[in-house]
């Protein structure tokens, strides 16, 4: 029997009785959502999806689309061009606040509505239909399957989205978005209306967690640097005016949506998603937060948990007739390279005449700075120290 699913189910049962909060009601489609739905999914490095609860129920992605559209804009235009128009600082204000940077008109960050509208305007070109198709295709690659748009929710978003239109016109007046305001806003409404399940969101989160590579399909969706930038913004801004307390209590880069979805990332470990429609006063899922709090505490996923394996990579020493082989495994970071150098110095000390081969072929990841340290040690030791990758 798979031991992981029962552990996830136990977490759900702990939070199921919490009925505080209320569903979003600014459009009828969200107001009609069954409030007791609850789901939880986790994806690890091998791409296996573990899910429990209402994991096949589809809901609109809403603001959880924002990190992925940011990734598309960064992939298309680069960091400097995107962040010249959208900031990266926590706003400390509600997600729909009408607030822009004095002097520049930039939104505070891409996770609030003003910033997300600006990012949507940068992520694609063409008509609203063409832009929406580009955004939907990108989110589908993150999810590992073709996603669709809930047209009824889109119409509700469009009919009630006057505040977002006001934000877009303000952005246009400052030159933050170009061209037709209606095109940009309708694209934003459609991206928020993309349908996903909690399983989809967990795969999308995992794609960011593993540096832009979808662990289910194996496809590189975005560059590693882009994924890192997106996760960085999520860490400081993804939970709106609850972001600081979230990082303290849970410590996972995350993004929430008003349909009740919540996506979180344990970098290089897991992508996580929850779904529960009742929201707190910040617009975040009440039970989703409780699930992630428990996950962080019990499973050690806080981003600032100490990880000794980074500073101490796997080292196995094999002595042969031809000399000594030092096998390296795991991840070799800059801090870990110092430990390897210490081992090599002991092996090539004054009392040793053996040649030493450093075998790095089994390393899962080696940081360039760490490799530079090893190569410098090779030069110091001359011909007695050899390296293979």
Protein backbone atom coordinates (compact mmCIF):
# COMPACT_ATOMS: atom_id res chain seq x y z
CA UNK A 1 0.00 0.00 0.00
CA UNK A 2 1.28 3.47 -0.89
CA UNK A 3 2.20 5.12 2.45
CA UNK A 4 2.03 8.70 1.18
CA UNK A 5 -1.68 8.99 0.31
CA UNK A 6 -2.83 8.00 3.84
CA UNK A 7 -0.51 10.68 5.28
CA UNK A 8 -2.08 13.29 3.00
CA UNK A 9 -5.57 12.07 3.85
CA UNK A 10 -4.80 12.39 7.56
CA UNK A 11 -3.87 16.04 7.03
CA UNK A 12 -7.15 16.68 5.20
CA UNK A 13 -9.18 15.09 7.98
CA UNK A 14 -7.53 17.37 10.54
CA UNK A 15 -8.68 20.54 8.74
CA UNK A 16 -12.01 19.34 7.36
CA UNK A 17 -14.03 20.52 10.35
CA UNK A 18 -12.86 24.12 9.94
CA UNK A 19 -15.78 25.88 8.25
CA UNK A 20 -14.65 29.45 8.81
CA UNK A 21 -14.38 31.92 5.95
CA UNK A 22 -16.68 32.41 2.97
CA UNK A 23 -16.61 31.72 -0.76
CA UNK A 24 -15.89 34.59 -3.17
CA UNK A 25 -19.13 36.19 -4.32
CA UNK A 26 -18.19 38.93 -6.78
CA UNK A 27 -19.44 36.80 -9.68
CA UNK A 28 -22.31 34.29 -9.45
CA UNK A 29 -20.20 31.36 -10.68
CA UNK A 30 -17.77 31.64 -7.76
CA UNK A 31 -20.55 32.32 -5.26
CA UNK A 32 -22.22 29.05 -6.29
CA UNK A 33 -19.14 26.90 -5.53
CA UNK A 34 -19.85 24.08 -3.02
CA UNK A 35 -17.98 25.39 0.04
CA UNK A 36 -17.08 22.02 1.55
CA UNK A 37 -14.92 20.76 -1.29
CA UNK A 38 -11.39 19.93 -0.19
CA UNK A 39 -8.44 18.47 -2.07
CA UNK A 40 -4.68 18.13 -1.67
CA UNK A 41 -1.97 17.00 -4.11
CA UNK A 42 1.82 16.66 -4.03
CA UNK A 43 4.30 15.95 -6.86
CA UNK A 44 7.89 14.87 -6.26
CA UNK A 45 10.98 14.78 -8.49
CA UNK A 46 9.97 11.57 -10.27
CA UNK A 47 6.69 13.06 -11.45
CA UNK A 48 4.34 10.85 -9.45
CA UNK A 49 1.21 12.73 -8.38
CA UNK A 50 -0.16 11.89 -4.94
CA UNK A 51 -3.64 13.33 -4.39
CA UNK A 52 -6.56 12.96 -2.00
CA UNK A 53 -10.00 14.47 -1.54
CA UNK A 54 -11.90 16.14 -4.39
CA UNK A 55 -8.87 15.85 -6.65
CA UNK A 56 -10.81 15.47 -9.92
CA UNK A 57 -13.00 18.56 -9.42
CA UNK A 58 -12.21 21.34 -11.89
CA UNK A 59 -12.17 24.99 -10.84
CA UNK A 60 -10.93 28.21 -12.40
CA UNK A 61 -7.30 29.02 -11.69
CA UNK A 62 -7.89 32.73 -10.97
CA UNK A 63 -4.82 34.49 -9.50
CA UNK A 64 -2.74 31.32 -9.39
CA UNK A 65 -2.29 31.97 -13.11
CA UNK A 66 -0.15 35.03 -12.30
CA UNK A 67 3.21 33.27 -11.68
CA UNK A 68 2.94 31.34 -14.95
CA UNK A 69 2.07 34.37 -17.04
CA UNK A 70 4.99 36.16 -15.38
CA UNK A 71 7.19 33.25 -16.43
CA UNK A 72 5.99 33.62 -20.03
CA UNK A 73 6.70 37.36 -20.01
CA UNK A 74 10.20 36.80 -18.57
CA UNK A 75 10.91 34.07 -21.10
CA UNK A 76 9.77 36.32 -23.93
CA UNK A 77 11.25 39.70 -22.95
CA UNK A 78 13.82 39.10 -20.22
CA UNK A 79 14.07 40.28 -16.63
CA UNK A 80 15.07 43.91 -17.26
CA UNK A 81 12.28 44.63 -19.74
CA UNK A 82 9.57 43.08 -17.55
CA UNK A 83 10.63 44.61 -14.25
CA UNK A 84 11.06 48.02 -15.83
CA UNK A 85 7.25 48.03 -15.95
CA UNK A 86 6.31 45.92 -12.92
CA UNK A 87 7.98 46.09 -9.50
CA UNK A 88 8.96 43.20 -7.24
CA UNK A 89 8.23 44.61 -3.77
CA UNK A 90 5.48 43.41 -1.41
CA UNK A 91 2.63 45.90 -1.46
CA UNK A 92 1.15 45.26 1.99
CA UNK A 93 -2.22 46.06 0.39
CA UNK A 94 -5.21 44.01 -0.82
CA UNK A 95 -4.78 42.22 -4.15
CA UNK A 96 -7.15 44.60 -5.99
CA UNK A 97 -5.82 47.86 -4.53
CA UNK A 98 -5.69 50.86 -6.86
CA UNK A 99 -2.12 51.79 -6.03
CA UNK A 100 0.83 52.47 -8.34
CA UNK A 101 4.41 53.57 -7.72
CA UNK A 102 4.77 57.34 -7.48
CA UNK A 103 6.59 58.83 -10.43
CA UNK A 104 6.69 55.70 -12.61
CA UNK A 105 3.17 54.27 -12.43
CA UNK A 106 4.57 50.76 -11.95
CA UNK A 107 2.44 48.26 -10.03
CA UNK A 108 4.09 47.02 -6.83
CA UNK A 109 4.57 43.43 -8.07
CA UNK A 110 3.18 40.89 -10.59
CA UNK A 111 1.06 39.06 -8.00
CA UNK A 112 -1.45 41.87 -7.33
CA UNK A 113 -4.10 42.58 -9.96
CA UNK A 114 -2.48 45.73 -11.35
CA UNK A 115 0.83 43.95 -11.80
CA UNK A 116 -0.81 40.87 -13.28
CA UNK A 117 -2.68 42.96 -15.85
CA UNK A 118 0.59 44.63 -16.83
CA UNK A 119 2.32 41.24 -17.05
CA UNK A 120 -0.47 39.86 -19.25
CA UNK A 121 0.09 42.77 -21.59
CA UNK A 122 3.78 41.85 -21.86
CA UNK A 123 3.40 38.09 -22.18
CA UNK A 124 1.89 37.88 -25.68
CA UNK A 125 0.89 39.83 -28.77
CA UNK A 126 -2.06 39.93 -31.17
CA UNK A 127 -5.80 39.96 -30.58
CA UNK A 128 -7.36 38.99 -27.27
CA UNK A 129 -8.12 35.54 -28.70
CA UNK A 130 -4.54 35.08 -29.93
CA UNK A 131 -3.05 36.26 -26.64
CA UNK A 132 -5.39 34.02 -24.66
CA UNK A 133 -4.41 31.04 -26.79
CA UNK A 134 -0.73 31.71 -26.12
CA UNK A 135 -1.29 31.99 -22.38
CA UNK A 136 -3.49 28.88 -22.24
CA UNK A 137 -0.92 26.88 -24.22
CA UNK A 138 1.84 27.93 -21.82
CA UNK A 139 -0.17 27.00 -18.73
CA UNK A 140 -1.00 23.67 -20.40
CA UNK A 141 2.72 22.93 -20.77
CA UNK A 142 3.20 23.64 -17.07
CA UNK A 143 0.31 21.28 -16.27
CA UNK A 144 1.40 18.59 -18.70
CA UNK A 145 -1.99 18.41 -20.41
CA UNK A 146 -4.29 20.59 -22.49
CA UNK A 147 -6.31 23.03 -20.39
CA UNK A 148 -9.53 24.79 -21.33
CA UNK A 149 -11.34 28.02 -20.40
CA UNK A 150 -14.63 28.19 -18.52
CA UNK A 151 -16.50 30.56 -20.83
CA UNK A 152 -19.28 31.19 -18.32
CA UNK A 153 -16.81 32.30 -15.64
CA UNK A 154 -14.99 34.43 -18.20
CA UNK A 155 -18.23 36.26 -19.06
CA UNK A 156 -18.87 36.81 -15.35
CA UNK A 157 -15.34 38.17 -14.89
CA UNK A 158 -15.76 40.47 -17.87
CA UNK A 159 -19.21 41.73 -16.83
CA UNK A 160 -18.10 42.62 -13.30
CA UNK A 161 -14.46 43.60 -13.89
CA UNK A 162 -14.84 47.38 -13.74
CA UNK A 163 -12.16 47.83 -11.08
CA UNK A 164 -9.65 45.87 -13.16
CA UNK A 165 -10.54 47.99 -16.19
CA UNK A 166 -9.87 51.10 -14.12
CA UNK A 167 -6.47 49.69 -13.17
CA UNK A 168 -5.71 48.94 -16.80
CA UNK A 169 -6.57 52.47 -17.90
CA UNK A 170 -4.32 53.87 -15.18
CA UNK A 171 -1.52 51.60 -16.38
CA UNK A 172 -2.10 52.73 -19.98
CA UNK A 173 -1.93 56.38 -18.92
CA UNK A 174 1.55 55.75 -17.47
CA UNK A 175 2.74 53.79 -20.50
CA UNK A 176 3.00 50.55 -18.50
CA UNK A 177 0.79 48.71 -20.99
CA UNK A 178 0.74 49.45 -24.69
CA UNK A 179 -2.04 49.32 -27.24
CA UNK A 180 -5.68 48.60 -26.67
CA UNK A 181 -6.70 48.40 -23.01
CA UNK A 182 -9.70 46.19 -23.73
CA UNK A 183 -7.50 43.58 -25.41
CA UNK A 184 -5.21 43.38 -22.41
CA UNK A 185 -8.01 43.25 -19.84
CA UNK A 186 -10.02 40.61 -21.69
CA UNK A 187 -6.87 38.51 -21.98
CA UNK A 188 -6.43 38.80 -18.21
CA UNK A 189 -10.04 37.77 -17.56
CA UNK A 190 -9.62 34.73 -19.80
CA UNK A 191 -6.36 33.63 -18.15
CA UNK A 192 -8.11 33.71 -14.76
CA UNK A 193 -10.90 31.53 -16.19
CA UNK A 194 -8.67 28.60 -17.18
CA UNK A 195 -9.92 25.35 -15.65
CA UNK A 196 -7.59 23.16 -13.56
CA UNK A 197 -7.75 20.46 -10.91
CA UNK A 198 -5.66 20.28 -7.77
CA UNK A 199 -3.57 17.62 -9.54
CA UNK A 200 -2.88 20.02 -12.40
CA UNK A 201 -1.80 22.75 -9.99
CA UNK A 202 0.56 20.44 -8.14
CA UNK A 203 2.30 19.56 -11.43
CA UNK A 204 2.49 23.24 -12.36
CA UNK A 205 4.01 24.02 -8.97
CA UNK A 206 6.48 21.17 -9.35
CA UNK A 207 7.58 22.52 -12.73
CA UNK A 208 8.66 25.71 -10.98
CA UNK A 209 10.12 23.75 -8.05
CA UNK A 210 12.39 21.81 -10.41
CA UNK A 211 13.77 24.79 -12.27
CA UNK A 212 11.28 24.94 -15.14
CA UNK A 213 11.26 21.23 -16.05
CA UNK A 214 7.90 19.47 -15.85
CA UNK A 215 8.62 16.32 -13.79
CA UNK A 216 5.70 14.43 -15.37
CA UNK A 217 6.41 15.11 -19.06
CA UNK A 218 10.14 15.84 -18.80
CA UNK A 219 9.69 18.97 -20.93
CA UNK A 220 11.66 22.11 -20.13
CA UNK A 221 8.90 24.73 -20.08
CA UNK A 222 10.99 27.77 -19.09
CA UNK A 223 14.63 28.45 -18.38
CA UNK A 224 15.98 27.76 -14.90
CA UNK A 225 16.70 31.46 -14.32
CA UNK A 226 13.09 32.32 -15.18
CA UNK A 227 11.70 29.74 -12.76
CA UNK A 228 13.99 31.06 -10.03
CA UNK A 229 12.82 34.65 -10.59
CA UNK A 230 9.16 33.63 -10.48
CA UNK A 231 9.58 31.62 -7.28
CA UNK A 232 11.46 34.54 -5.70
CA UNK A 233 8.55 36.91 -6.38
CA UNK A 234 6.08 34.34 -5.06
CA UNK A 235 8.07 34.06 -1.83
CA UNK A 236 7.67 37.74 -1.00
CA UNK A 237 4.40 38.67 -2.71
CA UNK A 238 2.34 35.56 -3.48
CA UNK A 239 0.00 35.68 -0.47
CA UNK A 240 -0.91 39.37 -0.77
CA UNK A 241 -0.97 41.28 2.53
CA UNK A 242 -0.50 37.98 4.40
CA UNK A 243 2.82 37.25 2.68
CA UNK A 244 5.08 38.12 5.61
CA UNK A 245 3.22 36.00 8.15
CA UNK A 246 2.92 33.21 5.59
CA UNK A 247 6.69 33.09 5.09
CA UNK A 248 7.19 33.03 8.85
CA UNK A 249 4.65 30.27 9.56
CA UNK A 250 4.86 28.14 6.42
CA UNK A 251 8.04 29.24 4.65
CA UNK A 252 7.16 28.07 1.13
CA UNK A 253 6.85 30.32 -1.94
CA UNK A 254 3.14 30.26 -2.71
CA UNK A 255 0.25 31.74 -4.67
CA UNK A 256 -3.45 31.79 -3.84
CA UNK A 257 -6.61 32.35 -5.88
CA UNK A 258 -10.16 33.40 -5.02
CA UNK A 259 -11.65 30.12 -6.25
CA UNK A 260 -10.00 28.57 -3.17
CA UNK A 261 -6.88 27.21 -4.83
CA UNK A 262 -3.47 27.48 -3.22
CA UNK A 263 -0.17 26.43 -4.78
CA UNK A 264 3.13 26.14 -2.91
CA UNK A 265 6.69 25.16 -3.77
CA UNK A 266 9.38 23.32 -1.85
CA UNK A 267 12.32 24.08 -4.17
CA UNK A 268 13.95 20.94 -5.60
CA UNK A 269 11.62 18.79 -3.47
CA UNK A 270 7.90 19.08 -4.23
CA UNK A 271 5.12 20.99 -5.89
CA UNK A 272 2.03 21.21 -3.68
CA UNK A 273 -1.56 22.33 -4.28
CA UNK A 274 -4.74 22.52 -2.24
CA UNK A 275 -8.32 23.42 -3.05
CA UNK A 276 -10.96 24.60 -0.58
CA UNK A 277 -13.29 27.49 -1.56
CA UNK A 278 -13.81 29.28 1.77
CA UNK A 279 -11.55 32.35 1.96
CA UNK A 280 -10.21 34.49 4.78
CA UNK A 281 -10.23 38.30 4.77
CA UNK A 282 -7.03 38.37 2.66
CA UNK A 283 -8.62 36.26 -0.10
CA UNK A 284 -6.67 33.11 0.79
CA UNK A 285 -8.16 29.65 1.35
CA UNK A 286 -8.69 29.05 5.08
CA UNK A 287 -8.30 25.29 5.02
CA UNK A 288 -5.63 25.47 2.32
CA UNK A 289 -3.48 27.54 4.67
CA UNK A 290 -3.99 25.03 7.47
CA UNK A 291 -3.00 22.14 5.20
CA UNK A 292 0.20 23.89 4.15
CA UNK A 293 1.04 24.88 7.73
CA UNK A 294 0.82 21.23 8.75
CA UNK A 295 2.82 20.12 5.73
CA UNK A 296 5.59 22.60 6.50
CA UNK A 297 5.78 21.60 10.16
CA UNK A 298 5.48 17.84 9.83
CA UNK A 299 7.31 17.26 6.55
CA UNK A 300 10.12 19.80 7.00
CA UNK A 301 9.34 21.88 3.91
CA UNK A 302 10.03 25.35 5.30
CA UNK A 303 12.50 26.93 2.88
CA UNK A 304 14.76 27.94 5.78
CA UNK A 305 14.98 24.45 7.27
CA UNK A 306 18.69 23.52 7.51
CA UNK A 307 19.83 21.12 4.80
CA UNK A 308 23.13 19.50 5.76
CA UNK A 309 23.45 17.64 2.48
CA UNK A 310 24.15 20.92 0.67
CA UNK A 311 27.19 21.65 2.83
CA UNK A 312 28.17 17.97 2.99
CA UNK A 313 27.91 16.22 -0.39
CA UNK A 314 28.15 12.46 -0.60
CA UNK A 315 31.78 11.32 -0.59
CA UNK A 316 32.90 7.68 -1.00
CA UNK A 317 36.58 6.80 -1.08
CA UNK A 318 37.69 3.72 -3.03
CA UNK A 319 41.29 2.50 -2.82
CA UNK A 320 42.57 0.54 -5.83
CA UNK A 321 45.93 -0.75 -7.05
CA UNK A 322 46.16 2.27 -9.35
CA UNK A 323 45.45 4.86 -6.67
CA UNK A 324 42.49 6.37 -4.87
CA UNK A 325 39.10 7.21 -6.36
CA UNK A 326 36.92 9.82 -4.66
CA UNK A 327 33.31 9.33 -5.75
CA UNK A 328 31.06 12.38 -5.33
CA UNK A 329 27.26 12.18 -5.12
CA UNK A 330 24.26 14.37 -4.43
CA UNK A 331 24.63 18.11 -4.90
CA UNK A 332 27.95 19.91 -4.87
CA UNK A 333 27.44 23.50 -3.72
CA UNK A 334 30.14 26.07 -3.01
CA UNK A 335 29.98 25.28 0.72
CA UNK A 336 30.32 21.56 0.03
CA UNK A 337 33.36 22.07 -2.19
CA UNK A 338 35.37 23.16 0.87
CA UNK A 339 34.76 19.76 2.48
CA UNK A 340 35.83 17.95 -0.70
CA UNK A 341 39.01 20.00 -0.90
CA UNK A 342 39.82 19.05 2.71
CA UNK A 343 39.44 15.37 1.86
CA UNK A 344 41.64 15.73 -1.21
CA UNK A 345 44.37 17.48 0.76
CA UNK A 346 44.40 14.65 3.29
CA UNK A 347 44.67 12.08 0.50
CA UNK A 348 47.49 13.87 -1.31
CA UNK A 349 49.40 14.88 1.83
CA UNK A 350 53.13 14.54 2.33
CA UNK A 351 52.89 10.90 3.42
CA UNK A 352 50.94 9.80 0.35
CA UNK A 353 52.29 8.82 -3.04
CA UNK A 354 48.99 7.69 -4.56
CA UNK A 355 47.32 9.38 -7.49
CA UNK A 356 43.79 10.55 -6.73
CA UNK A 357 40.89 10.54 -9.21
CA UNK A 358 37.84 12.67 -8.39
CA UNK A 359 34.81 11.02 -9.99
CA UNK A 360 31.97 13.56 -10.27
CA UNK A 361 29.90 11.59 -12.78
CA UNK A 362 27.23 10.71 -10.18
CA UNK A 363 26.59 14.30 -9.05
CA UNK A 364 22.98 15.29 -9.50
CA UNK A 365 24.00 18.94 -9.63
CA UNK A 366 27.28 20.83 -9.42
CA UNK A 367 27.37 24.60 -9.02
CA UNK A 368 29.92 26.40 -11.23
CA UNK A 369 31.65 28.04 -8.26
CA UNK A 370 32.12 24.63 -6.61
CA UNK A 371 33.67 23.21 -9.77
CA UNK A 372 36.01 26.19 -9.94
CA UNK A 373 37.22 25.41 -6.43
CA UNK A 374 37.95 21.79 -7.39
CA UNK A 375 39.77 22.79 -10.56
CA UNK A 376 41.90 25.22 -8.59
CA UNK A 377 42.84 22.39 -6.24
CA UNK A 378 43.78 20.24 -9.25
CA UNK A 379 46.16 22.93 -10.44
CA UNK A 380 47.71 23.16 -6.97
CA UNK A 381 48.36 19.42 -6.80
CA UNK A 382 49.80 19.17 -10.29
CA UNK A 383 49.69 15.74 -11.94
CA UNK A 384 48.71 13.67 -8.91
CA UNK A 385 45.08 14.81 -8.82
CA UNK A 386 42.70 13.98 -11.68
CA UNK A 387 39.07 14.85 -12.35
CA UNK A 388 36.29 13.23 -14.35
CA UNK A 389 32.71 14.40 -14.79
